[in-house]
Amino acid sequence: MIHTVSISDFRQDLSYYIGLASRGDTIIIKDSKKGQETARLVAGRRWDPVAYSKMLKELAHRPVFSAENHPEWATLKDVQKWLRETRKNADRDFSYIK
């Protein structure tokens, strides 16, 4: 849930808003005089090594690139041809490099 609060209200109930943020809510602190967002308070994400390991194992069994999904990459010559054409057609401008 997202809560929008003025700086003065945030200052008055600081522990309340920190508690909301620690439970997963987002607190947007606005400057009421300027009418713009000043800060955003969100809880930090914790790294879960078990979930990360599980995700890696699931993804390891899914081929991302294969000749079936990308017939233009079936052989080394096909890859080289595709790469040359892609680079030639790319709209890149390196004139800013001196």
PDB file of N, CA and C in Angstrom:
ATOM      1  N   MET A   1       0.836  -1.167   0.000  1.00  0.00           N
ATOM      2  CA  MET A   1       0.000   0.000   0.000  1.00  0.00           C
ATOM      3  C   MET A   1       0.891   1.244   0.000  1.00  0.00           C
ATOM      4  N   ILE A   2       0.446   2.272  -0.661  1.00  0.00           N
ATOM      5  CA  ILE A   2       1.204   3.515  -0.743  1.00  0.00           C
ATOM      6  C   ILE A   2       0.518   4.582   0.107  1.00  0.00           C
ATOM      7  N   HIS A   3       1.307   5.237   0.943  1.00  0.00           N
ATOM      8  CA  HIS A   3       0.803   6.312   1.795  1.00  0.00           C
ATOM      9  C   HIS A   3       1.548   7.595   1.417  1.00  0.00           C
ATOM     10  N   THR A   4       0.801   8.663   1.224  1.00  0.00           N
ATOM     11  CA  THR A   4       1.400   9.966   0.947  1.00  0.00           C
ATOM     12  C   THR A   4       1.202  10.836   2.187  1.00  0.00           C
ATOM     13  N   VAL A   5       2.284  11.458   2.627  1.00  0.00           N
ATOM     14  CA  VAL A   5       2.232  12.213   3.873  1.00  0.00           C
ATOM     15  C   VAL A   5       3.088  13.471   3.732  1.00  0.00           C
ATOM     16  N   SER A   6       2.701  14.521   4.439  1.00  0.00           N
ATOM     17  CA  SER A   6       3.499  15.748   4.424  1.00  0.00           C
ATOM     18  C   SER A   6       4.718  15.569   5.323  1.00  0.00           C
ATOM     19  N   ILE A   7       5.687  16.429   5.135  1.00  0.00           N
ATOM     20  CA  ILE A   7       6.908  16.356   5.940  1.00  0.00           C
ATOM     21  C   ILE A   7       6.586  16.524   7.420  1.00  0.00           C
ATOM     22  N   SER A   8       5.733  17.474   7.742  1.00  0.00           N
ATOM     23  CA  SER A   8       5.421  17.721   9.158  1.00  0.00           C
ATOM     24  C   SER A   8       4.673  16.542   9.776  1.00  0.00           C
ATOM     25  N   ASP A   9       3.725  15.939   9.048  1.00  0.00           N
ATOM     26  CA  ASP A   9       3.018  14.762   9.570  1.00  0.00           C
ATOM     27  C   ASP A   9       3.971  13.584   9.725  1.00  0.00           C
ATOM     28  N   PHE A  10       4.869  13.430   8.775  1.00  0.00           N
ATOM     29  CA  PHE A  10       5.851  12.353   8.851  1.00  0.00           C
ATOM     30  C   PHE A  10       6.728  12.524  10.091  1.00  0.00           C
ATOM     31  N   ARG A  11       7.161  13.745  10.315  1.00  0.00           N
ATOM     32  CA  ARG A  11       8.019  14.036  11.467  1.00  0.00           C
ATOM     33  C   ARG A  11       7.281  13.761  12.778  1.00  0.00           C
ATOM     34  N   GLN A  12       5.979  14.091  12.815  1.00  0.00           N
ATOM     35  CA  GLN A  12       5.190  13.897  14.029  1.00  0.00           C
ATOM     36  C   GLN A  12       5.008  12.418  14.362  1.00  0.00           C
ATOM     37  N   ASP A  13       4.761  11.591  13.352  1.00  0.00           N
ATOM     38  CA  ASP A  13       4.486  10.164  13.568  1.00  0.00           C
ATOM     39  C   ASP A  13       5.549   9.287  12.919  1.00  0.00           C
ATOM     40  N   LEU A  14       6.790   9.643  13.118  1.00  0.00           N
ATOM     41  CA  LEU A  14       7.914   8.975  12.477  1.00  0.00           C
ATOM     42  C   LEU A  14       7.894   7.462  12.701  1.00  0.00           C
ATOM     43  N   SER A  15       7.748   7.025  13.931  1.00  0.00           N
ATOM     44  CA  SER A  15       7.795   5.588  14.219  1.00  0.00           C
ATOM     45  C   SER A  15       6.638   4.843  13.556  1.00  0.00           C
ATOM     46  N   TYR A  16       5.475   5.466  13.459  1.00  0.00           N
ATOM     47  CA  TYR A  16       4.325   4.847  12.797  1.00  0.00           C
ATOM     48  C   TYR A  16       4.631   4.595  11.325  1.00  0.00           C
ATOM     49  N   TYR A  17       5.167   5.593  10.639  1.00  0.00           N
ATOM     50  CA  TYR A  17       5.438   5.452   9.203  1.00  0.00           C
ATOM     51  C   TYR A  17       6.601   4.498   8.940  1.00  0.00           C
ATOM     52  N   ILE A  18       7.587   4.486   9.819  1.00  0.00           N
ATOM     53  CA  ILE A  18       8.682   3.521   9.675  1.00  0.00           C
ATOM     54  C   ILE A  18       8.142   2.103   9.868  1.00  0.00           C
ATOM     55  N   GLY A  19       7.229   1.935  10.777  1.00  0.00           N
ATOM     56  CA  GLY A  19       6.592   0.630  10.983  1.00  0.00           C
ATOM     57  C   GLY A  19       5.837   0.172   9.743  1.00  0.00           C
ATOM     58  N   LEU A  20       5.099   1.101   9.109  1.00  0.00           N
ATOM     59  CA  LEU A  20       4.383   0.758   7.879  1.00  0.00           C
ATOM     60  C   LEU A  20       5.351   0.332   6.779  1.00  0.00           C
ATOM     61  N   ALA A  21       6.435   1.080   6.657  1.00  0.00           N
ATOM     62  CA  ALA A  21       7.429   0.773   5.629  1.00  0.00           C
ATOM     63  C   ALA A  21       8.090  -0.576   5.892  1.00  0.00           C
ATOM     64  N   SER A  22       8.356  -0.880   7.147  1.00  0.00           N
ATOM     65  CA  SER A  22       9.012  -2.151   7.466  1.00  0.00           C
ATOM     66  C   SER A  22       8.097  -3.338   7.175  1.00  0.00           C
ATOM     67  N   ARG A  23       6.793  -3.104   7.135  1.00  0.00           N
ATOM     68  CA  ARG A  23       5.845  -4.172   6.792  1.00  0.00           C
ATOM     69  C   ARG A  23       5.596  -4.269   5.288  1.00  0.00           C
ATOM     70  N   GLY A  24       6.265  -3.414   4.516  1.00  0.00           N
ATOM     71  CA  GLY A  24       6.156  -3.515   3.063  1.00  0.00           C
ATOM     72  C   GLY A  24       5.440  -2.366   2.384  1.00  0.00           C
ATOM     73  N   ASP A  25       4.888  -1.436   3.141  1.00  0.00           N
ATOM     74  CA  ASP A  25       4.212  -0.293   2.533  1.00  0.00           C
ATOM     75  C   ASP A  25       5.233   0.722   2.025  1.00  0.00           C
ATOM     76  N   THR A  26       4.806   1.560   1.096  1.00  0.00           N
ATOM     77  CA  THR A  26       5.644   2.640   0.585  1.00  0.00           C
ATOM     78  C   THR A  26       5.121   3.955   1.147  1.00  0.00           C
ATOM     79  N   ILE A  27       6.007   4.760   1.685  1.00  0.00           N
ATOM     80  CA  ILE A  27       5.626   6.054   2.238  1.00  0.00           C
ATOM     81  C   ILE A  27       6.220   7.128   1.328  1.00  0.00           C
ATOM     82  N   ILE A  28       5.367   7.960   0.760  1.00  0.00           N
ATOM     83  CA  ILE A  28       5.812   9.075  -0.073  1.00  0.00           C
ATOM     84  C   ILE A  28       5.711  10.333   0.772  1.00  0.00           C
ATOM     85  N   ILE A  29       6.828  11.017   0.930  1.00  0.00           N
ATOM     86  CA  ILE A  29       6.873  12.237   1.743  1.00  0.00           C
ATOM     87  C   ILE A  29       6.870  13.416   0.790  1.00  0.00           C
ATOM     88  N   LYS A  30       5.855  14.287   0.949  1.00  0.00           N
ATOM     89  CA  LYS A  30       5.700  15.432   0.041  1.00  0.00           C
ATOM     90  C   LYS A  30       5.927  16.741   0.778  1.00  0.00           C
ATOM     91  N   ASP A  31       6.487  17.672   0.057  1.00  0.00           N
ATOM     92  CA  ASP A  31       6.615  19.030   0.553  1.00  0.00           C
ATOM     93  C   ASP A  31       5.315  19.734   0.198  1.00  0.00           C
ATOM     94  N   SER A  32       4.489  20.011   1.196  1.00  0.00           N
ATOM     95  CA  SER A  32       3.163  20.578   0.917  1.00  0.00           C
ATOM     96  C   SER A  32       3.245  21.983   0.334  1.00  0.00           C
ATOM     97  N   LYS A  33       4.302  22.729   0.651  1.00  0.00           N
ATOM     98  CA  LYS A  33       4.444  24.079   0.108  1.00  0.00           C
ATOM     99  C   LYS A  33       4.765  24.050  -1.381  1.00  0.00           C
ATOM    100  N   LYS A  34       5.651  23.148  -1.771  1.00  0.00           N
ATOM    101  CA  LYS A  34       6.034  23.053  -3.178  1.00  0.00           C
ATOM    102  C   LYS A  34       5.150  22.091  -3.960  1.00  0.00           C
ATOM    103  N   GLY A  35       4.430  21.227  -3.240  1.00  0.00           N
ATOM    104  CA  GLY A  35       3.550  20.274  -3.901  1.00  0.00           C
ATOM    105  C   GLY A  35       4.287  19.191  -4.671  1.00  0.00           C
ATOM    106  N   GLN A  36       5.485  18.834  -4.213  1.00  0.00           N
ATOM    107  CA  GLN A  36       6.252  17.819  -4.922  1.00  0.00           C
ATOM    108  C   GLN A  36       6.794  16.777  -3.951  1.00  0.00           C
ATOM    109  N   GLU A  37       7.060  15.601  -4.503  1.00  0.00           N
ATOM    110  CA  GLU A  37       7.607  14.515  -3.698  1.00  0.00           C
ATOM    111  C   GLU A  37       9.032  14.852  -3.277  1.00  0.00           C
ATOM    112  N   THR A  38       9.308  14.678  -1.998  1.00  0.00           N
ATOM    113  CA  THR A  38      10.625  14.960  -1.456  1.00  0.00           C
ATOM    114  C   THR A  38      11.420  13.674  -1.245  1.00  0.00           C
ATOM    115  N   ALA A  39      10.735  12.646  -0.743  1.00  0.00           N
ATOM    116  CA  ALA A  39      11.414  11.382  -0.449  1.00  0.00           C
ATOM    117  C   ALA A  39      10.423  10.238  -0.524  1.00  0.00           C
ATOM    118  N   ARG A  40      10.989   9.046  -0.587  1.00  0.00           N
ATOM    119  CA  ARG A  40      10.193   7.823  -0.636  1.00  0.00           C
ATOM    120  C   ARG A  40      10.826   6.842   0.342  1.00  0.00           C
ATOM    121  N   LEU A  41      10.024   6.276   1.211  1.00  0.00           N
ATOM    122  CA  LEU A  41      10.516   5.346   2.212  1.00  0.00           C
ATOM    123  C   LEU A  41       9.965   3.966   1.892  1.00  0.00           C
ATOM    124  N   VAL A  42      10.872   3.028   1.643  1.00  0.00           N
ATOM    125  CA  VAL A  42      10.471   1.644   1.361  1.00  0.00           C
ATOM    126  C   VAL A  42      11.376   0.713   2.153  1.00  0.00           C
ATOM    127  N   ALA A  43      10.864  -0.451   2.470  1.00  0.00           N
ATOM    128  CA  ALA A  43      11.664  -1.427   3.197  1.00  0.00           C
ATOM    129  C   ALA A  43      12.702  -2.030   2.266  1.00  0.00           C
ATOM    130  N   GLY A  44      13.870  -2.286   2.811  1.00  0.00           N
ATOM    131  CA  GLY A  44      14.916  -2.931   2.016  1.00  0.00           C
ATOM    132  C   GLY A  44      14.556  -4.384   1.769  1.00  0.00           C
ATOM    133  N   ARG A  45      14.907  -4.858   0.599  1.00  0.00           N
ATOM    134  CA  ARG A  45      14.651  -6.263   0.287  1.00  0.00           C
ATOM    135  C   ARG A  45      15.758  -7.112   0.887  1.00  0.00           C
ATOM    136  N   ARG A  46      15.347  -8.218   1.434  1.00  0.00           N
ATOM    137  CA  ARG A  46      16.322  -9.133   2.007  1.00  0.00           C
ATOM    138  C   ARG A  46      16.630 -10.229   1.002  1.00  0.00           C
ATOM    139  N   TRP A  47      17.887 -10.591   0.915  1.00  0.00           N
ATOM    140  CA  TRP A  47      18.310 -11.630  -0.006  1.00  0.00           C
ATOM    141  C   TRP A  47      18.031 -12.982   0.616  1.00  0.00           C
ATOM    142  N   ASP A  48      17.317 -13.811  -0.121  1.00  0.00           N
ATOM    143  CA  ASP A  48      16.965 -15.136   0.352  1.00  0.00           C
ATOM    144  C   ASP A  48      17.766 -16.161  -0.448  1.00  0.00           C
ATOM    145  N   PRO A  49      18.834 -16.723   0.129  1.00  0.00           N
ATOM    146  CA  PRO A  49      19.677 -17.636  -0.636  1.00  0.00           C
ATOM    147  C   PRO A  49      18.945 -18.902  -1.077  1.00  0.00           C
ATOM    148  N   VAL A  50      17.979 -19.361  -0.310  1.00  0.00           N
ATOM    149  CA  VAL A  50      17.236 -20.566  -0.688  1.00  0.00           C
ATOM    150  C   VAL A  50      16.371 -20.293  -1.910  1.00  0.00           C
ATOM    151  N   ALA A  51      15.655 -19.169  -1.905  1.00  0.00           N
ATOM    152  CA  ALA A  51      14.817 -18.808  -3.051  1.00  0.00           C
ATOM    153  C   ALA A  51      15.674 -18.537  -4.280  1.00  0.00           C
ATOM    154  N   TYR A  52      16.825 -17.916  -4.090  1.00  0.00           N
ATOM    155  CA  TYR A  52      17.726 -17.628  -5.210  1.00  0.00           C
ATOM    156  C   TYR A  52      18.237 -18.927  -5.837  1.00  0.00           C
ATOM    157  N   SER A  53      18.629 -19.860  -5.011  1.00  0.00           N
ATOM    158  CA  SER A  53      19.114 -21.157  -5.498  1.00  0.00           C
ATOM    159  C   SER A  53      18.018 -21.905  -6.251  1.00  0.00           C
ATOM    160  N   LYS A  54      16.811 -21.866  -5.721  1.00  0.00           N
ATOM    161  CA  LYS A  54      15.673 -22.527  -6.381  1.00  0.00           C
ATOM    162  C   LYS A  54      15.414 -21.903  -7.751  1.00  0.00           C
ATOM    163  N   MET A  55      15.448 -20.577  -7.827  1.00  0.00           N
ATOM    164  CA  MET A  55      15.224 -19.885  -9.089  1.00  0.00           C
ATOM    165  C   MET A  55      16.293 -20.257 -10.108  1.00  0.00           C
ATOM    166  N   LEU A  56      17.551 -20.310  -9.679  1.00  0.00           N
ATOM    167  CA  LEU A  56      18.636 -20.670 -10.591  1.00  0.00           C
ATOM    168  C   LEU A  56      18.457 -22.082 -11.139  1.00  0.00           C
ATOM    169  N   LYS A  57      18.044 -23.010 -10.290  1.00  0.00           N
ATOM    170  CA  LYS A  57      17.827 -24.391 -10.731  1.00  0.00           C
ATOM    171  C   LYS A  57      16.687 -24.475 -11.738  1.00  0.00           C
ATOM    172  N   GLU A  58      15.621 -23.710 -11.506  1.00  0.00           N
ATOM    173  CA  GLU A  58      14.491 -23.711 -12.444  1.00  0.00           C
ATOM    174  C   GLU A  58      14.892 -23.125 -13.791  1.00  0.00           C
ATOM    175  N   LEU A  59      15.652 -22.050 -13.780  1.00  0.00           N
ATOM    176  CA  LEU A  59      16.058 -21.401 -15.023  1.00  0.00           C
ATOM    177  C   LEU A  59      17.105 -22.193 -15.791  1.00  0.00           C
ATOM    178  N   ALA A  60      17.884 -22.989 -15.101  1.00  0.00           N
ATOM    179  CA  ALA A  60      18.950 -23.754 -15.751  1.00  0.00           C
ATOM    180  C   ALA A  60      18.399 -24.786 -16.723  1.00  0.00           C
ATOM    181  N   HIS A  61      17.177 -25.216 -16.520  1.00  0.00           N
ATOM    182  CA  HIS A  61      16.588 -26.245 -17.374  1.00  0.00           C
ATOM    183  C   HIS A  61      15.804 -25.671 -18.549  1.00  0.00           C
ATOM    184  N   ARG A  62      15.755 -24.368 -18.661  1.00  0.00           N
ATOM    185  CA  ARG A  62      15.056 -23.723 -19.775  1.00  0.00           C
ATOM    186  C   ARG A  62      16.068 -23.159 -20.752  1.00  0.00           C
ATOM    187  N   PRO A  63      16.144 -23.720 -21.950  1.00  0.00           N
ATOM    188  CA  PRO A  63      17.072 -23.121 -22.917  1.00  0.00           C
ATOM    189  C   PRO A  63      16.540 -21.777 -23.398  1.00  0.00           C
ATOM    190  N   VAL A  64      17.345 -20.769 -23.256  1.00  0.00           N
ATOM    191  CA  VAL A  64      16.940 -19.433 -23.673  1.00  0.00           C
ATOM    192  C   VAL A  64      17.181 -19.258 -25.162  1.00  0.00           C
ATOM    193  N   PHE A  65      18.356 -19.650 -25.597  1.00  0.00           N
ATOM    194  CA  PHE A  65      18.715 -19.539 -27.003  1.00  0.00           C
ATOM    195  C   PHE A  65      18.938 -20.931 -27.563  1.00  0.00           C
ATOM    196  N   SER A  66      18.242 -21.217 -28.619  1.00  0.00           N
ATOM    197  CA  SER A  66      18.455 -22.481 -29.315  1.00  0.00           C
ATOM    198  C   SER A  66      18.178 -22.254 -30.793  1.00  0.00           C
ATOM    199  N   ALA A  67      18.594 -23.209 -31.629  1.00  0.00           N
ATOM    200  CA  ALA A  67      18.359 -23.095 -33.067  1.00  0.00           C
ATOM    201  C   ALA A  67      16.860 -23.114 -33.367  1.00  0.00           C
ATOM    202  N   GLU A  68      16.071 -23.732 -32.495  1.00  0.00           N
ATOM    203  CA  GLU A  68      14.622 -23.759 -32.700  1.00  0.00           C
ATOM    204  C   GLU A  68      14.009 -22.370 -32.504  1.00  0.00           C
ATOM    205  N   ASN A  69      14.413 -21.682 -31.429  1.00  0.00           N
ATOM    206  CA  ASN A  69      13.868 -20.345 -31.169  1.00  0.00           C
ATOM    207  C   ASN A  69      14.467 -19.306 -32.106  1.00  0.00           C
ATOM    208  N   HIS A  70      15.714 -19.524 -32.509  1.00  0.00           N
ATOM    209  CA  HIS A  70      16.422 -18.550 -33.333  1.00  0.00           C
ATOM    210  C   HIS A  70      17.093 -19.247 -34.510  1.00  0.00           C
ATOM    211  N   PRO A  71      16.325 -19.514 -35.567  1.00  0.00           N
ATOM    212  CA  PRO A  71      16.922 -20.210 -36.710  1.00  0.00           C
ATOM    213  C   PRO A  71      18.052 -19.419 -37.363  1.00  0.00           C
ATOM    214  N   GLU A  72      18.066 -18.101 -37.165  1.00  0.00           N
ATOM    215  CA  GLU A  72      19.141 -17.288 -37.732  1.00  0.00           C
ATOM    216  C   GLU A  72      20.475 -17.555 -37.043  1.00  0.00           C
ATOM    217  N   TRP A  73      20.479 -18.317 -35.954  1.00  0.00           N
ATOM    218  CA  TRP A  73      21.692 -18.644 -35.227  1.00  0.00           C
ATOM    219  C   TRP A  73      22.018 -20.139 -35.280  1.00  0.00           C
ATOM    220  N   ALA A  74      21.533 -20.825 -36.281  1.00  0.00           N
ATOM    221  CA  ALA A  74      21.704 -22.278 -36.341  1.00  0.00           C
ATOM    222  C   ALA A  74      23.162 -22.692 -36.506  1.00  0.00           C
ATOM    223  N   THR A  75      23.930 -21.947 -37.283  1.00  0.00           N
ATOM    224  CA  THR A  75      25.340 -22.288 -37.494  1.00  0.00           C
ATOM    225  C   THR A  75      26.193 -21.062 -37.215  1.00  0.00           C
ATOM    226  N   LEU A  76      27.486 -21.274 -37.140  1.00  0.00           N
ATOM    227  CA  LEU A  76      28.398 -20.161 -36.896  1.00  0.00           C
ATOM    228  C   LEU A  76      28.315 -19.139 -38.024  1.00  0.00           C
ATOM    229  N   LYS A  77      28.221 -19.600 -39.278  1.00  0.00           N
ATOM    230  CA  LYS A  77      28.100 -18.671 -40.408  1.00  0.00           C
ATOM    231  C   LYS A  77      26.825 -17.851 -40.307  1.00  0.00           C
ATOM    232  N   ASP A  78      25.731 -18.496 -39.888  1.00  0.00           N
ATOM    233  CA  ASP A  78      24.460 -17.780 -39.728  1.00  0.00           C
ATOM    234  C   ASP A  78      24.577 -16.694 -38.657  1.00  0.00           C
ATOM    235  N   VAL A  79      25.255 -16.999 -37.566  1.00  0.00           N
ATOM    236  CA  VAL A  79      25.436 -16.026 -36.487  1.00  0.00           C
ATOM    237  C   VAL A  79      26.258 -14.842 -36.983  1.00  0.00           C
ATOM    238  N   GLN A  80      27.347 -15.138 -37.707  1.00  0.00           N
ATOM    239  CA  GLN A  80      28.192 -14.068 -38.232  1.00  0.00           C
ATOM    240  C   GLN A  80      27.426 -13.187 -39.212  1.00  0.00           C
ATOM    241  N   LYS A  81      26.624 -13.801 -40.070  1.00  0.00           N
ATOM    242  CA  LYS A  81      25.805 -13.042 -41.036  1.00  0.00           C
ATOM    243  C   LYS A  81      24.797 -12.161 -40.293  1.00  0.00           C
ATOM    244  N   TRP A  82      24.123 -12.746 -39.313  1.00  0.00           N
ATOM    245  CA  TRP A  82      23.126 -12.005 -38.545  1.00  0.00           C
ATOM    246  C   TRP A  82      23.779 -10.818 -37.821  1.00  0.00           C
ATOM    247  N   LEU A  83      24.957 -11.061 -37.254  1.00  0.00           N
ATOM    248  CA  LEU A  83      25.658 -10.012 -36.527  1.00  0.00           C
ATOM    249  C   LEU A  83      26.068  -8.871 -37.455  1.00  0.00           C
ATOM    250  N   ARG A  84      26.612  -9.203 -38.642  1.00  0.00           N
ATOM    251  CA  ARG A  84      26.997  -8.164 -39.609  1.00  0.00           C
ATOM    252  C   ARG A  84      25.793  -7.327 -40.012  1.00  0.00           C
ATOM    253  N   GLU A  85      24.690  -7.981 -40.341  1.00  0.00           N
ATOM    254  CA  GLU A  85      23.479  -7.262 -40.770  1.00  0.00           C
ATOM    255  C   GLU A  85      22.917  -6.395 -39.649  1.00  0.00           C
ATOM    256  N   THR A  86      22.931  -6.924 -38.449  1.00  0.00           N
ATOM    257  CA  THR A  86      22.414  -6.164 -37.311  1.00  0.00           C
ATOM    258  C   THR A  86      23.251  -4.918 -37.063  1.00  0.00           C
ATOM    259  N   ARG A  87      24.556  -5.077 -37.127  1.00  0.00           N
ATOM    260  CA  ARG A  87      25.440  -3.923 -36.917  1.00  0.00           C
ATOM    261  C   ARG A  87      25.285  -2.898 -38.031  1.00  0.00           C
ATOM    262  N   LYS A  88      25.130  -3.392 -39.252  1.00  0.00           N
ATOM    263  CA  LYS A  88      24.975  -2.484 -40.389  1.00  0.00           C
ATOM    264  C   LYS A  88      23.671  -1.695 -40.278  1.00  0.00           C
ATOM    265  N   ASN A  89      22.626  -2.349 -39.819  1.00  0.00           N
ATOM    266  CA  ASN A  89      21.311  -1.712 -39.729  1.00  0.00           C
ATOM    267  C   ASN A  89      21.116  -0.912 -38.451  1.00  0.00           C
ATOM    268  N   ALA A  90      22.024  -1.072 -37.511  1.00  0.00           N
ATOM    269  CA  ALA A  90      21.877  -0.366 -36.239  1.00  0.00           C
ATOM    270  C   ALA A  90      22.035   1.131 -36.453  1.00  0.00           C
ATOM    271  N   ASP A  91      21.224   1.859 -35.741  1.00  0.00           N
ATOM    272  CA  ASP A  91      21.257   3.318 -35.847  1.00  0.00           C
ATOM    273  C   ASP A  91      22.119   3.835 -34.701  1.00  0.00           C
ATOM    274  N   ARG A  92      23.439   3.671 -34.859  1.00  0.00           N
ATOM    275  CA  ARG A  92      24.347   4.072 -33.795  1.00  0.00           C
ATOM    276  C   ARG A  92      25.146   5.286 -34.225  1.00  0.00           C
ATOM    277  N   ASP A  93      25.354   6.179 -33.294  1.00  0.00           N
ATOM    278  CA  ASP A  93      26.098   7.392 -33.587  1.00  0.00           C
ATOM    279  C   ASP A  93      27.170   7.569 -32.501  1.00  0.00           C
ATOM    280  N   PHE A  94      28.421   7.484 -32.926  1.00  0.00           N
ATOM    281  CA  PHE A  94      29.515   7.618 -31.973  1.00  0.00           C
ATOM    282  C   PHE A  94      30.265   8.939 -32.188  1.00  0.00           C
ATOM    283  N   SER A  95      29.612   9.908 -32.790  1.00  0.00           N
ATOM    284  CA  SER A  95      30.276  11.170 -33.068  1.00  0.00           C
ATOM    285  C   SER A  95      30.622  11.947 -31.794  1.00  0.00           C
ATOM    286  N   TYR A  96      29.967  11.624 -30.696  1.00  0.00           N
ATOM    287  CA  TYR A  96      30.240  12.333 -29.436  1.00  0.00           C
ATOM    288  C   TYR A  96      31.573  11.907 -28.834  1.00  0.00           C
ATOM    289  N   ILE A  97      32.145  10.784 -29.295  1.00  0.00           N
ATOM    290  CA  ILE A  97      33.433  10.305 -28.781  1.00  0.00           C
ATOM    291  C   ILE A  97      34.552  11.048 -29.492  1.00  0.00           C
ATOM    292  N   LYS A  98      35.468  11.590 -28.721  1.00  0.00           N
ATOM    293  CA  LYS A  98      36.569  12.363 -29.333  1.00  0.00           C
ATOM    294  C   LYS A  98      37.876  11.684 -29.133  1.00  0.00           C
TER     295      LYS A  98
END
